[in-house]
Structures are given as structure tokens and as C-alpha cells.
């Protein structure tokens, strides 16, 4: 069986591949599970436009009717934003969803897998998953980390979501040999906030040097991704102590309501949105757009 039978390219992505243009992969859980309608559609289209403005071609990835779509039409984005039968797809879910002809919105892990199949090297997202708080007893660790260890796609994000155990997340990435690079920062950004108590492995201040480092890693035959952490723009960031307090509250509620596994992140993000009176949604949109811009710049340098 050839994996190509499950892949469908949009016209724009197909042309970009034929012409050797830089391409940036985008995930789709942000559309179906990450944001309310219509903010999800507006953000998805806005992020794609930013990538085009910076010289690359966007490839939003999703599973529709059991096919991996690399690049989506506006109608397909609208469909994912409104449909109620779109499953959250990670590595373990891909074979089942394809075999059953179902719909799936790709997480960081699944998007990396599909991007690598499509030979796309750069992927922009909001924040990665990681080691959940209390993982020493629950073993709740996101598949995103394992994918970063094994899949040759560089991921541009605003750090790991601060609902996670950031220290253990960094330890896990270090064990797996994944470089965590700060773009214009020495400390790990934590999604809604520009800072955290943790340092990145390396600081790099230009998109050209980021591209060179990514290229060097793969030229050495060192498999796995590079995690580029790009702090949320100053005007949209929240105070570290403020967001920490809100996350503690949201975690307590998740515990009380017995919410576990892949349901935890959407629950917490929705709670954080309520508790910050919607400010977290604005921040989420701003950081995704910021990451798309940097990813497009890196993709352009990689092509050179």
C-alpha cells in the first residue's frame, strides 16, 4: 500500500510543490476544537494570508472523508469550523480515521506526520502539548513530544501551554535530543505570557540563522524536529502571576469534574477564556499569527 493514495493536495499547494516554493504547514484542531465560531474561521484565513504576505504558501492540514488534505479551501475551513463530527486526530487516530472515511482535525503530532509525508519542513502552531501536571502518577504526556523526537519537521510555537508542567516538558525534550530554541528570548515563553521560570537551550535572533540551524541538524542525520519558541507579542501578553492563578483555578475545576486525557486541554482553554473575560482568545489569535510570520520567514530562507 502506498501512503500517497490517502493524500489530497489543494491546487495552491500542488502548484507550490511543482514550483519549489516555500510551504508552511498549519494544524486544524485550532479550527475545530480550539476556538469558537466565527473566530476560528477568521483566524485560520488570517494566518494563511500572513504566510502568503511573507513569501510562503500555507498548507492547512486536516482529514476530510478519510483523506489527508494538505491545504484547504475556504469552504473546507468553514466545514471544519461548524461540523460536530470532526474528531481530534493525533498519531494513534490516523489509521482508524482514514480506514473509516471519517473527518479529523490534526493536532501538532498528526500535523507533523502529515507534513513530513508531504515533504513540508516547517509548521506553525499556537503552543505544543507536553507533560501534564501530575504526570508522574497519571503518565499523561502529549504525543507531540514523541513526534518532535522522531519527525523531521521544525515547529514554530509560542512555547508550551502554561497549563502543563513546563519543567518536565523541557526534561523530556532534552532526553529525546530535541533542541528548544528561543527566538529573541533566553527564557521559555509560556503561550499567554512571554516568560516562565525556565531557560531555552539556545537563543537565536534571526530567521536566517534559525533556518541554518534546522538545516544543519538534518544534514548531520539527526532525526527529529527543532522547537522554535517565539514569545507572544508584548501588547497581547498577560502577567505570568495572573495567568498562573487562573490556570490553577481551571485545573481544580477539571479535577472536580473528573476530566482526563484529550478532553483536558479544550476544557482548560475554555475555562481560561471565561476567567480572563475573553482576553485569552485575543492573545491566542495574536500569537498564532506571530508564529505564522516567523515560520514563513524560516521557510523562505530554507528554500534559498
Protein backbone atom coordinates (compact mmCIF):
# COMPACT_ATOMS: atom_id res chain seq x y z
CA UNK A 1 0.00 0.00 0.00
CA UNK A 2 1.27 3.46 -0.87
CA UNK A 3 0.52 6.32 1.56
CA UNK A 4 0.01 8.68 -1.42
CA UNK A 5 -3.46 7.22 -2.03
CA UNK A 6 -4.65 8.99 1.14
CA UNK A 7 -3.19 12.40 0.32
CA UNK A 8 -5.08 15.19 -1.45
CA UNK A 9 -3.29 18.47 -2.26
CA UNK A 10 -5.09 21.77 -2.71
CA UNK A 11 -4.45 23.49 -6.05
CA UNK A 12 -2.33 26.17 -4.34
CA UNK A 13 -0.11 23.65 -2.52
CA UNK A 14 0.20 21.42 -5.59
CA UNK A 15 1.48 24.39 -7.61
CA UNK A 16 3.84 25.44 -4.83
CA UNK A 17 5.34 21.95 -4.72
CA UNK A 18 5.77 21.84 -8.50
CA UNK A 19 7.44 25.27 -8.50
CA UNK A 20 9.63 24.59 -5.46
CA UNK A 21 8.10 27.39 -3.38
CA UNK A 22 8.45 27.52 0.41
CA UNK A 23 5.44 25.97 2.21
CA UNK A 24 4.33 26.27 5.84
CA UNK A 25 2.11 23.59 7.40
CA UNK A 26 -0.74 24.59 9.74
CA UNK A 27 -2.80 22.41 12.07
CA UNK A 28 -6.60 22.23 12.13
CA UNK A 29 -7.54 21.47 15.76
CA UNK A 30 -7.40 25.21 16.36
CA UNK A 31 -10.31 25.46 13.87
CA UNK A 32 -12.49 22.61 15.16
CA UNK A 33 -11.59 22.38 18.85
CA UNK A 34 -9.50 25.43 19.77
CA UNK A 35 -11.68 28.47 19.11
CA UNK A 36 -15.36 29.40 18.92
CA UNK A 37 -17.07 30.20 15.59
CA UNK A 38 -16.56 32.56 13.73
CA UNK A 39 -13.20 33.49 15.36
CA UNK A 40 -11.85 30.09 14.27
CA UNK A 41 -12.54 30.71 10.56
CA UNK A 42 -11.31 34.32 10.66
CA UNK A 43 -8.11 33.24 12.39
CA UNK A 44 -7.44 30.32 10.02
CA UNK A 45 -7.87 32.54 6.95
CA UNK A 46 -5.91 35.41 8.55
CA UNK A 47 -2.98 33.13 9.40
CA UNK A 48 -2.89 31.78 5.83
CA UNK A 49 -2.83 35.34 4.48
CA UNK A 50 0.13 36.29 6.73
CA UNK A 51 2.11 33.33 5.39
CA UNK A 52 1.41 34.42 1.79
CA UNK A 53 2.41 38.03 2.61
CA UNK A 54 5.78 36.77 3.85
CA UNK A 55 6.61 34.84 0.71
CA UNK A 56 5.45 31.30 1.51
CA UNK A 57 2.40 29.15 0.77
CA UNK A 58 0.10 27.98 3.61
CA UNK A 59 -0.89 24.31 3.86
CA UNK A 60 -3.58 23.83 6.49
CA UNK A 61 -3.86 20.09 7.15
CA UNK A 62 -6.98 18.10 8.06
CA UNK A 63 -8.69 14.77 7.41
CA UNK A 64 -11.88 15.00 5.39
CA UNK A 65 -13.81 11.88 4.36
CA UNK A 66 -10.85 9.68 5.23
CA UNK A 67 -8.31 11.61 3.13
CA UNK A 68 -5.41 13.74 4.38
CA UNK A 69 -5.93 17.18 2.88
CA UNK A 70 -2.73 19.21 2.54
CA UNK A 71 -4.08 22.70 2.01
CA UNK A 72 -7.77 23.56 2.46
CA UNK A 73 -10.29 25.64 0.53
CA UNK A 74 -12.30 28.32 2.34
CA UNK A 75 -15.33 26.01 2.16
CA UNK A 76 -13.38 23.18 3.83
CA UNK A 77 -12.20 25.51 6.62
CA UNK A 78 -15.80 26.65 7.13
CA UNK A 79 -16.90 22.99 7.23
CA UNK A 80 -14.33 22.08 9.91
CA UNK A 81 -15.33 25.14 11.94
CA UNK A 82 -19.01 24.17 12.09
CA UNK A 83 -19.18 20.36 11.82
CA UNK A 84 -19.85 18.41 15.01
CA UNK A 85 -18.41 15.08 13.87
CA UNK A 86 -14.77 16.16 13.46
CA UNK A 87 -12.53 14.13 15.73
CA UNK A 88 -9.33 15.38 17.32
CA UNK A 89 -6.66 13.42 15.45
CA UNK A 90 -3.25 12.52 16.87
CA UNK A 91 -0.79 9.82 15.73
CA UNK A 92 -2.81 6.89 17.10
CA UNK A 93 -6.04 8.10 15.44
CA UNK A 94 -4.82 8.50 11.84
CA UNK A 95 -5.14 4.86 10.64
CA UNK A 96 -8.64 4.47 12.12
CA UNK A 97 -9.98 7.77 10.73
CA UNK A 98 -8.62 7.06 7.23
CA UNK A 99 -9.90 3.48 7.19
CA UNK A 100 -13.40 4.57 8.32
CA UNK A 101 -13.58 7.57 5.95
CA UNK A 102 -14.11 9.97 8.87
CA UNK A 103 -13.21 13.63 9.49
CA UNK A 104 -10.35 14.63 11.75
CA UNK A 105 -8.69 17.87 12.84
CA UNK A 106 -4.96 17.34 13.20
CA UNK A 107 -3.10 18.05 16.43
CA UNK A 108 0.57 19.07 16.50
CA UNK A 109 1.66 15.41 16.34
CA UNK A 110 -0.62 14.43 13.44
CA UNK A 111 0.16 17.63 11.52
CA UNK A 112 3.89 16.89 11.81
CA UNK A 113 3.36 13.36 10.46
CA UNK A 114 1.26 14.59 7.52
CA UNK A 115 3.67 17.48 6.81
CA UNK A 116 6.60 15.07 6.65
CA UNK A 117 4.65 12.78 4.26
CA UNK A 118 4.08 15.85 2.07
CA UNK A 119 7.77 16.89 2.40
CA UNK A 120 6.94 20.13 4.21
CA UNK A 121 9.66 21.07 6.69
CA UNK A 122 8.16 23.98 8.64
CA UNK A 123 5.00 24.06 10.71
CA UNK A 124 3.45 26.98 12.63
CA UNK A 125 1.13 26.40 15.58
CA UNK A 126 -0.01 28.11 18.77
CA UNK A 127 1.55 26.06 21.55
CA UNK A 128 2.70 22.47 21.80
CA UNK A 129 1.36 19.82 24.16
CA UNK A 130 3.69 18.45 26.79
CA UNK A 131 3.95 16.69 30.13
CA UNK A 132 0.77 17.32 32.11
CA UNK A 133 0.90 18.31 35.76
CA UNK A 134 0.80 15.19 37.91
CA UNK A 135 2.17 13.05 35.04
CA UNK A 136 4.41 11.21 37.49
CA UNK A 137 1.26 9.37 38.60
CA UNK A 138 -1.04 9.68 35.55
CA UNK A 139 1.61 9.21 32.79
CA UNK A 140 -0.29 11.89 30.86
CA UNK A 141 2.27 13.03 28.28
CA UNK A 142 1.31 14.54 24.94
CA UNK A 143 2.16 12.62 21.76
CA UNK A 144 3.50 15.96 20.45
CA UNK A 145 6.75 15.38 22.35
CA UNK A 146 7.37 11.94 20.89
CA UNK A 147 6.67 13.33 17.42
CA UNK A 148 9.20 16.12 17.96
CA UNK A 149 11.72 13.42 18.87
CA UNK A 150 11.16 11.41 15.66
CA UNK A 151 9.70 13.53 12.87
CA UNK A 152 11.77 15.87 10.69
CA UNK A 153 9.58 18.95 10.90
CA UNK A 154 10.57 22.19 12.65
CA UNK A 155 7.78 23.61 14.80
CA UNK A 156 7.33 27.32 15.49
CA UNK A 157 5.19 27.92 18.58
CA UNK A 158 4.71 30.31 21.50
CA UNK A 159 6.19 27.72 23.88
CA UNK A 160 4.20 25.10 25.73
CA UNK A 161 0.81 25.93 27.18
CA UNK A 162 1.23 27.01 30.78
CA UNK A 163 -1.47 24.51 31.83
CA UNK A 164 1.37 21.93 31.58
CA UNK A 165 4.36 21.05 33.74
CA UNK A 166 6.91 23.13 31.82
CA UNK A 167 9.95 21.83 33.70
CA UNK A 168 9.13 18.18 32.98
CA UNK A 169 8.27 19.04 29.37
CA UNK A 170 11.76 20.51 28.88
CA UNK A 171 13.36 17.48 30.59
CA UNK A 172 11.50 15.14 28.23
CA UNK A 173 12.61 17.12 25.16
CA UNK A 174 16.21 17.13 26.39
CA UNK A 175 16.15 13.33 26.83
CA UNK A 176 14.86 12.98 23.27
CA UNK A 177 17.52 15.32 21.86
CA UNK A 178 15.09 18.00 20.67
CA UNK A 179 16.71 21.47 20.66
CA UNK A 180 14.49 24.15 22.22
CA UNK A 181 15.43 27.47 20.65
CA UNK A 182 14.23 30.88 21.78
CA UNK A 183 13.65 33.44 19.05
CA UNK A 184 14.91 36.73 20.52
CA UNK A 185 14.48 35.28 24.02
CA UNK A 186 16.57 33.46 26.65
CA UNK A 187 13.57 32.12 28.55
CA UNK A 188 10.85 29.69 27.53
CA UNK A 189 7.68 31.58 26.63
CA UNK A 190 4.54 30.00 28.08
CA UNK A 191 1.83 30.67 25.49
CA UNK A 192 -0.18 33.57 27.02
CA UNK A 193 2.90 35.02 28.67
CA UNK A 194 6.33 35.92 27.29
CA UNK A 195 8.14 34.47 30.28
CA UNK A 196 8.38 31.41 32.52
CA UNK A 197 10.87 30.31 35.20
CA UNK A 198 12.72 28.16 32.60
CA UNK A 199 15.52 28.84 30.11
CA UNK A 200 15.63 27.72 26.49
CA UNK A 201 18.63 25.72 25.22
CA UNK A 202 19.75 28.39 22.73
CA UNK A 203 18.80 31.91 21.77
CA UNK A 204 18.80 32.84 18.06
CA UNK A 205 17.87 36.35 16.89
CA UNK A 206 17.36 35.92 13.13
CA UNK A 207 15.12 33.75 10.96
CA UNK A 208 18.06 33.13 8.62
CA UNK A 209 20.14 31.60 11.46
CA UNK A 210 17.14 29.54 12.59
CA UNK A 211 16.91 28.08 9.06
CA UNK A 212 20.67 27.34 9.09
CA UNK A 213 20.45 25.53 12.42
CA UNK A 214 17.47 23.42 11.28
CA UNK A 215 19.29 22.55 8.05
CA UNK A 216 22.48 21.64 9.94
CA UNK A 217 20.62 19.29 12.28
CA UNK A 218 19.11 17.28 9.44
CA UNK A 219 22.31 17.38 7.34
CA UNK A 220 24.00 15.57 10.26
CA UNK A 221 21.37 12.83 10.06
CA UNK A 222 19.96 13.82 13.46
CA UNK A 223 16.31 12.87 13.14
CA UNK A 224 13.53 14.71 14.88
CA UNK A 225 12.26 18.26 14.97
CA UNK A 226 13.55 21.57 16.23
CA UNK A 227 11.26 23.51 18.58
CA UNK A 228 11.39 27.24 17.85
CA UNK A 229 9.73 29.19 20.66
CA UNK A 230 8.53 32.65 19.70
CA UNK A 231 7.10 34.81 22.52
CA UNK A 232 3.61 36.26 22.17
CA UNK A 233 3.75 39.95 21.07
CA UNK A 234 4.22 42.25 24.08
CA UNK A 235 0.88 44.06 23.70
CA UNK A 236 -1.07 40.77 23.88
CA UNK A 237 0.87 39.04 26.65
CA UNK A 238 -0.50 38.52 30.15
CA UNK A 239 1.22 38.79 33.52
CA UNK A 240 2.85 35.49 34.50
CA UNK A 241 1.39 35.58 38.05
CA UNK A 242 -2.12 36.47 36.76
CA UNK A 243 -2.29 33.62 34.25
CA UNK A 244 -0.75 31.15 36.73
CA UNK A 245 -3.54 31.89 39.25
CA UNK A 246 -6.22 31.44 36.60
CA UNK A 247 -4.73 28.14 35.41
CA UNK A 248 -4.62 26.81 38.99
CA UNK A 249 -8.35 27.56 39.28
CA UNK A 250 -9.14 25.89 35.94
CA UNK A 251 -7.09 22.79 36.90
CA UNK A 252 -9.03 22.45 40.17
CA UNK A 253 -12.31 22.51 38.22
CA UNK A 254 -11.03 19.88 35.75
CA UNK A 255 -10.11 17.67 38.71
CA UNK A 256 -13.54 18.14 40.31
CA UNK A 257 -15.35 17.34 37.08
CA UNK A 258 -13.13 14.29 36.52
CA UNK A 259 -11.89 15.43 33.11
CA UNK A 260 -8.91 13.49 31.73
CA UNK A 261 -6.90 12.67 28.58
CA UNK A 262 -7.50 14.56 25.35
CA UNK A 263 -10.51 16.38 26.89
CA UNK A 264 -8.28 18.27 29.36
CA UNK A 265 -6.76 20.86 27.01
CA UNK A 266 -10.02 22.10 25.36
CA UNK A 267 -11.67 22.21 28.81
CA UNK A 268 -8.84 24.23 30.34
CA UNK A 269 -8.56 26.62 27.40
CA UNK A 270 -12.29 27.26 27.50
CA UNK A 271 -12.14 27.88 31.29
CA UNK A 272 -9.15 30.20 30.90
CA UNK A 273 -11.09 32.13 28.23
CA UNK A 274 -14.04 32.56 30.63
CA UNK A 275 -11.84 33.50 33.58
CA UNK A 276 -9.85 36.07 31.56
CA UNK A 277 -13.11 37.50 30.16
CA UNK A 278 -12.16 36.62 26.60
CA UNK A 279 -8.70 38.23 26.70
CA UNK A 280 -7.06 34.79 26.27
CA UNK A 281 -8.83 34.31 22.92
CA UNK A 282 -7.37 37.60 21.63
CA UNK A 283 -3.94 36.52 22.88
CA UNK A 284 -4.32 33.11 21.25
CA UNK A 285 -5.10 34.69 17.87
CA UNK A 286 -2.21 37.17 18.14
CA UNK A 287 0.39 34.53 18.98
CA UNK A 288 -0.67 32.16 16.18
CA UNK A 289 -0.35 34.99 13.64
CA UNK A 290 3.04 35.94 15.06
CA UNK A 291 4.25 32.34 14.73
CA UNK A 292 2.96 32.11 11.14
CA UNK A 293 5.04 35.16 10.16
CA UNK A 294 8.25 33.72 11.65
CA UNK A 295 7.59 30.26 10.15
CA UNK A 296 7.13 31.80 6.69
CA UNK A 297 10.43 33.69 7.02
CA UNK A 298 12.26 30.50 8.05
CA UNK A 299 10.65 28.52 5.18
CA UNK A 300 11.81 31.18 2.67
CA UNK A 301 15.42 31.00 4.00
CA UNK A 302 15.36 27.18 3.93
CA UNK A 303 14.41 27.24 0.25
CA UNK A 304 17.38 29.52 -0.51
